[in-house]
Structure formats: C-alpha cells, structure tokens
C-alpha atoms as a PDB file:
ATOM      1  CA  MET A   1    -166.503 -74.232 143.338  1.00  0.00           C
ATOM      2  CA  ALA A   2    -169.475 -71.873 143.050  1.00  0.00           C
ATOM      3  CA  ASN A   3    -171.454 -71.779 139.852  1.00  0.00           C
ATOM      4  CA  PRO A   4    -171.687 -68.154 138.581  1.00  0.00           C
ATOM      5  CA  ASP A   5    -175.059 -69.012 137.017  1.00  0.00           C
ATOM      6  CA  ALA A   6    -176.493 -70.228 140.315  1.00  0.00           C
ATOM      7  CA  VAL A   7    -178.808 -67.240 140.684  1.00  0.00           C
ATOM      8  CA  GLY A   8    -180.528 -68.342 137.476  1.00  0.00           C
ATOM      9  CA  GLN A   9    -181.644 -71.483 139.278  1.00  0.00           C
ATOM     10  CA  ASN A  10    -183.513 -69.534 141.965  1.00  0.00           C
ATOM     11  CA  THR A  11    -187.080 -68.199 141.981  1.00  0.00           C
ATOM     12  CA  PRO A  12    -188.526 -65.083 143.675  1.00  0.00           C
ATOM     13  CA  ASP A  13    -188.959 -66.932 146.976  1.00  0.00           C
ATOM     14  CA  SER A  14    -185.144 -67.268 147.115  1.00  0.00           C
ATOM     15  CA  PHE A  15    -184.588 -63.514 147.437  1.00  0.00           C
ATOM     16  CA  GLY A  16    -185.485 -60.719 149.819  1.00  0.00           C
ATOM     17  CA  THR A  17    -186.965 -57.499 148.485  1.00  0.00           C
ATOM     18  CA  TYR A  18    -187.728 -58.808 145.018  1.00  0.00           C
ATOM     19  CA  ALA A  19    -189.654 -56.707 142.467  1.00  0.00           C
ATOM     20  CA  ILE A  20    -193.058 -58.360 142.911  1.00  0.00           C
ATOM     21  CA  ALA A  21    -195.019 -55.992 140.630  1.00  0.00           C
ATOM     22  CA  SER A  22    -194.207 -53.218 138.173  1.00  0.00           C
ATOM     23  CA  ALA A  23    -195.460 -51.090 135.312  1.00  0.00           C
ATOM     24  CA  GLN A  24    -193.633 -48.695 133.031  1.00  0.00           C
ATOM     25  CA  GLY A  25    -194.941 -45.515 131.464  1.00  0.00           C
ATOM     26  CA  VAL A  26    -197.938 -45.158 133.781  1.00  0.00           C
ATOM     27  CA  SER A  27    -199.868 -42.082 132.686  1.00  0.00           C
ATOM     28  CA  LEU A  28    -200.869 -39.640 135.402  1.00  0.00           C
ATOM     29  CA  ALA A  29    -202.865 -37.482 132.951  1.00  0.00           C
ATOM     30  CA  ALA A  30    -206.336 -38.522 134.172  1.00  0.00           C
ATOM     31  CA  THR A  31    -207.782 -39.159 137.618  1.00  0.00           C
ATOM     32  CA  GLY A  32    -209.502 -42.416 138.483  1.00  0.00           C
ATOM     33  CA  ASN A  33    -209.358 -45.823 140.110  1.00  0.00           C
ATOM     34  CA  ALA A  34    -207.280 -48.587 138.526  1.00  0.00           C
ATOM     35  CA  VAL A  35    -205.446 -46.331 136.071  1.00  0.00           C
ATOM     36  CA  VAL A  36    -203.078 -49.268 135.735  1.00  0.00           C
ATOM     37  CA  ALA A  37    -202.957 -52.816 137.117  1.00  0.00           C
ATOM     38  CA  LEU A  38    -199.693 -54.130 138.555  1.00  0.00           C
ATOM     39  CA  PRO A  39    -199.932 -57.948 138.309  1.00  0.00           C
ATOM     40  CA  ILE A  40    -198.301 -59.577 141.339  1.00  0.00           C
ATOM     41  CA  LEU A  41    -195.456 -61.811 140.152  1.00  0.00           C
ATOM     42  CA  ARG A  42    -196.890 -61.271 136.672  1.00  0.00           C
ATOM     43  CA  GLY A  43    -200.114 -62.989 137.759  1.00  0.00           C
ATOM     44  CA  GLY A  44    -198.345 -65.909 139.389  1.00  0.00           C
ATOM     45  CA  LEU A  45    -199.936 -66.127 142.847  1.00  0.00           C
ATOM     46  CA  THR A  46    -202.047 -69.186 143.549  1.00  0.00           C
ATOM     47  CA  ALA A  47    -205.687 -68.354 144.208  1.00  0.00           C
ATOM     48  CA  GLY A  48    -206.869 -71.205 146.420  1.00  0.00           C
ATOM     49  CA  ASN A  49    -210.157 -71.648 148.263  1.00  0.00           C
ATOM     50  CA  SER A  50    -208.910 -69.647 151.267  1.00  0.00           C
ATOM     51  CA  VAL A  51    -206.063 -67.406 152.388  1.00  0.00           C
ATOM     52  CA  ALA A  52    -204.339 -70.464 153.908  1.00  0.00           C
ATOM     53  CA  THR A  53    -204.282 -72.312 150.570  1.00  0.00           C
ATOM     54  CA  SER A  54    -203.302 -69.318 148.426  1.00  0.00           C
ATOM     55  CA  GLY A  55    -199.993 -67.734 147.528  1.00  0.00           C
ATOM     56  CA  ALA A  56    -198.896 -64.586 149.345  1.00  0.00           C
ATOM     57  CA  VAL A  57    -196.389 -61.760 149.176  1.00  0.00           C
ATOM     58  CA  ILE A  58    -195.247 -59.179 151.710  1.00  0.00           C
ATOM     59  CA  VAL A  59    -195.091 -55.669 150.244  1.00  0.00           C
ATOM     60  CA  ARG A  60    -192.033 -53.898 151.669  1.00  0.00           C
ATOM     61  CA  ARG A  61    -191.611 -50.811 149.481  1.00  0.00           C
ATOM     62  CA  VAL A  62    -193.195 -48.923 146.573  1.00  0.00           C
ATOM     63  CA  THR A  63    -190.920 -46.808 144.385  1.00  0.00           C
ATOM     64  CA  ILE A  64    -192.175 -44.321 141.827  1.00  0.00           C
ATOM     65  CA  GLN A  65    -189.401 -43.449 139.370  1.00  0.00           C
ATOM     66  CA  ASN A  66    -188.376 -42.253 135.942  1.00  0.00           C
ATOM     67  CA  PRO A  67    -190.871 -39.398 135.422  1.00  0.00           C
ATOM     68  CA  SER A  68    -191.162 -38.183 131.842  1.00  0.00           C
ATOM     69  CA  ALA A  69    -191.446 -34.608 133.147  1.00  0.00           C
ATOM     70  CA  SER A  70    -192.126 -32.935 136.479  1.00  0.00           C
ATOM     71  CA  VAL A  71    -195.074 -34.716 138.087  1.00  0.00           C
ATOM     72  CA  ALA A  72    -194.442 -33.158 141.500  1.00  0.00           C
ATOM     73  CA  THR A  73    -198.070 -32.076 141.936  1.00  0.00           C
ATOM     74  CA  GLY A  74    -199.481 -35.497 141.031  1.00  0.00           C
ATOM     75  CA  ASN A  75    -201.094 -37.618 143.712  1.00  0.00           C
ATOM     76  CA  ILE A  76    -201.474 -41.418 143.709  1.00  0.00           C
ATOM     77  CA  THR A  77    -202.664 -44.246 145.965  1.00  0.00           C
ATOM     78  CA  ILE A  78    -201.954 -47.998 145.633  1.00  0.00           C
ATOM     79  CA  PHE A  79    -204.782 -50.497 146.304  1.00  0.00           C
ATOM     80  CA  THR A  80    -205.351 -54.268 146.215  1.00  0.00           C
ATOM     81  CA  SER A  81    -208.712 -53.677 144.505  1.00  0.00           C
ATOM     82  CA  ASN A  82    -209.722 -51.753 141.411  1.00  0.00           C
ATOM     83  CA  ASP A  83    -212.675 -49.986 143.046  1.00  0.00           C
ATOM     84  CA  GLY A  84    -210.861 -47.524 145.316  1.00  0.00           C
ATOM     85  CA  ASN A  85    -212.201 -49.183 148.486  1.00  0.00           C
ATOM     86  CA  THR A  86    -210.204 -47.573 151.312  1.00  0.00           C
ATOM     87  CA  SER A  87    -210.041 -50.841 153.263  1.00  0.00           C
ATOM     88  CA  ASN A  88    -207.799 -52.168 150.458  1.00  0.00           C
ATOM     89  CA  ILE A  89    -205.103 -49.474 150.546  1.00  0.00           C
ATOM     90  CA  VAL A  90    -201.490 -50.626 150.325  1.00  0.00           C
ATOM     91  CA  ALA A  91    -199.941 -47.141 150.103  1.00  0.00           C
ATOM     92  CA  ASN A  92    -201.858 -44.036 151.205  1.00  0.00           C
ATOM     93  CA  ALA A  93    -202.439 -41.091 148.894  1.00  0.00           C
ATOM     94  CA  VAL A  94    -199.167 -39.257 148.405  1.00  0.00           C
ATOM     95  CA  THR A  95    -198.074 -36.223 146.446  1.00  0.00           C
ATOM     96  CA  LEU A  96    -195.101 -37.063 144.224  1.00  0.00           C
ATOM     97  CA  SER A  97    -193.144 -33.979 145.338  1.00  0.00           C
ATOM     98  CA  SER A  98    -189.706 -35.570 144.750  1.00  0.00           C
ATOM     99  CA  LEU A  99    -190.456 -36.258 141.082  1.00  0.00           C
ATOM    100  CA  SER A 100    -189.698 -32.767 139.800  1.00  0.00           C
ATOM    101  CA  ALA A 101    -187.349 -33.806 136.985  1.00  0.00           C
ATOM    102  CA  THR A 102    -186.374 -36.831 134.915  1.00  0.00           C
ATOM    103  CA  GLY A 103    -184.058 -39.256 136.651  1.00  0.00           C
ATOM    104  CA  THR A 104    -185.684 -38.792 140.080  1.00  0.00           C
ATOM    105  CA  PHE A 105    -187.489 -41.272 142.303  1.00  0.00           C
ATOM    106  CA  GLN A 106    -189.676 -41.377 145.395  1.00  0.00           C
ATOM    107  CA  ASP A 107    -190.373 -44.225 147.799  1.00  0.00           C
ATOM    108  CA  ILE A 108    -193.895 -43.968 149.143  1.00  0.00           C
ATOM    109  CA  ALA A 109    -194.974 -45.082 152.590  1.00  0.00           C
ATOM    110  CA  LEU A 110    -197.085 -48.170 153.074  1.00  0.00           C
ATOM    111  CA  THR A 111    -200.448 -47.771 154.750  1.00  0.00           C
ATOM    112  CA  THR A 112    -199.461 -49.494 157.990  1.00  0.00           C
ATOM    113  CA  GLY A 113    -196.122 -47.724 158.161  1.00  0.00           C
ATOM    114  CA  GLY A 114    -194.501 -51.091 157.582  1.00  0.00           C
ATOM    115  CA  ASN A 115    -195.135 -54.270 155.685  1.00  0.00           C
ATOM    116  CA  VAL A 116    -198.388 -55.279 154.003  1.00  0.00           C
ATOM    117  CA  ILE A 117    -199.238 -58.918 153.241  1.00  0.00           C
ATOM    118  CA  VAL A 118    -201.277 -59.648 150.107  1.00  0.00           C
ATOM    119  CA  SER A 119    -202.891 -63.030 149.514  1.00  0.00           C
ATOM    120  CA  GLY A 120    -203.654 -64.483 146.097  1.00  0.00           C
ATOM    121  CA  TYR A 121    -207.069 -65.377 147.525  1.00  0.00           C
ATOM    122  CA  ASN A 122    -207.903 -61.660 147.766  1.00  0.00           C
ATOM    123  CA  ALA A 123    -205.857 -60.070 144.974  1.00  0.00           C
ATOM    124  CA  GLN A 124    -203.817 -60.993 141.908  1.00  0.00           C
ATOM    125  CA  ALA A 125    -202.754 -57.416 141.198  1.00  0.00           C
ATOM    126  CA  LEU A 126    -202.222 -54.034 142.795  1.00  0.00           C
ATOM    127  CA  TYR A 127    -203.888 -50.960 141.306  1.00  0.00           C
ATOM    128  CA  VAL A 128    -202.775 -47.344 140.959  1.00  0.00           C
ATOM    129  CA  LYS A 129    -205.363 -44.648 141.603  1.00  0.00           C
ATOM    130  CA  VAL A 130    -204.543 -41.160 140.373  1.00  0.00           C
ATOM    131  CA  GLY A 131    -206.064 -38.602 142.752  1.00  0.00           C
ATOM    132  CA  THR A 132    -204.539 -35.468 141.242  1.00  0.00           C
ATOM    133  CA  ALA A 133    -203.816 -35.634 137.531  1.00  0.00           C
ATOM    134  CA  VAL A 134    -200.671 -34.177 135.986  1.00  0.00           C
ATOM    135  CA  ALA A 135    -199.229 -34.462 132.483  1.00  0.00           C
ATOM    136  CA  GLY A 136    -196.501 -37.092 132.467  1.00  0.00           C
ATOM    137  CA  THR A 137    -195.706 -40.739 133.022  1.00  0.00           C
ATOM    138  CA  VAL A 138    -193.844 -42.676 135.709  1.00  0.00           C
ATOM    139  CA  ASP A 139    -192.618 -46.190 136.356  1.00  0.00           C
ATOM    140  CA  VAL A 140    -194.047 -47.966 139.408  1.00  0.00           C
ATOM    141  CA  ARG A 141    -192.112 -50.731 141.160  1.00  0.00           C
ATOM    142  CA  VAL A 142    -193.366 -52.693 144.134  1.00  0.00           C
ATOM    143  CA  TYR A 143    -190.778 -54.629 146.109  1.00  0.00           C
ATOM    144  CA  GLY A 144    -191.342 -57.344 148.658  1.00  0.00           C
ATOM    145  CA  ASP A 145    -190.877 -60.917 149.723  1.00  0.00           C
ATOM    146  CA  THR A 146    -192.616 -64.012 148.441  1.00  0.00           C
ATOM    147  CA  VAL A 147    -194.230 -65.984 151.255  1.00  0.00           C
ATOM    148  CA  ASN A 148    -195.355 -68.752 148.898  1.00  0.00           C
ATOM    149  CA  PHE A 149    -196.634 -69.095 145.361  1.00  0.00           C
END
C-alpha cells in the first residue's frame, strides 16, 4: 500500500519543474541591478572547484505574479550575476504588461527561448534588475529541474 506521506521523503531532485528560487514582495519602485537576490534552492547548490564538481539546476520558467497594483509599465530582467552583465542573462528584459491588476501573473521568456542551466560554480542566486521603475511589488518564482546538488 502506498504511503500518503511519501512525497515528504523526496527532495527537489525527485520532481520536475520545482520552484528553485523565489522572492515575495519585490519592489519595482527603483531601477537598478540586483534589486533582489533569488537564492537558488535557498542557497543549497554545491560550489565545487569546477562546473563538473558543482551542483546545477535547469531553469524552465520564470513567473511574475501577485502584483500589489498595476505594474504593467514596469520592466525587469533576470541575471545570474548582480552586476547586470548581459552575458549572464537568464530572462531578457520584459515589460510586465499582463500585470495590470492584483491576482494576475505573467510567465517571462528565457533568454535562449528554452532552458537555461545554472551551475553552483558560477552562481548561487539569480538577480532581478528593474529597468523601468513602477510603484508596486510582485512575487517572483523561478521553476526548474535539479540536475544535482
């Protein structure tokens, strides 16, 4: 017989499309790099001496949700670095046009049009850059698969 608590015995590498990073109440009121850090697996990736010996995740989707007010003119980008270096983009700059009222959400496209792999050797967090400021807050959720810890 199946144990109804069996899911409690699993870890993020047991699931597909797991929430690998998130932040609630992210303010979009000021522009800048690294407005908020999104720790990957809450800071749980191994940072070895190389990519091969480090933990990794595959980013599959970024969802911006739960705006406190209309933030439809706001613009954000997601990076693997806090300096705004364009070679570290996970999700290109996007206007949050679908977030015109509370209770709305918007999935934003990944930079490669598909999946992005992030190694613990290179990054322990993802960073939100606000390109166009707007009064309001949002929740940011990043979903993906754990390759290894």
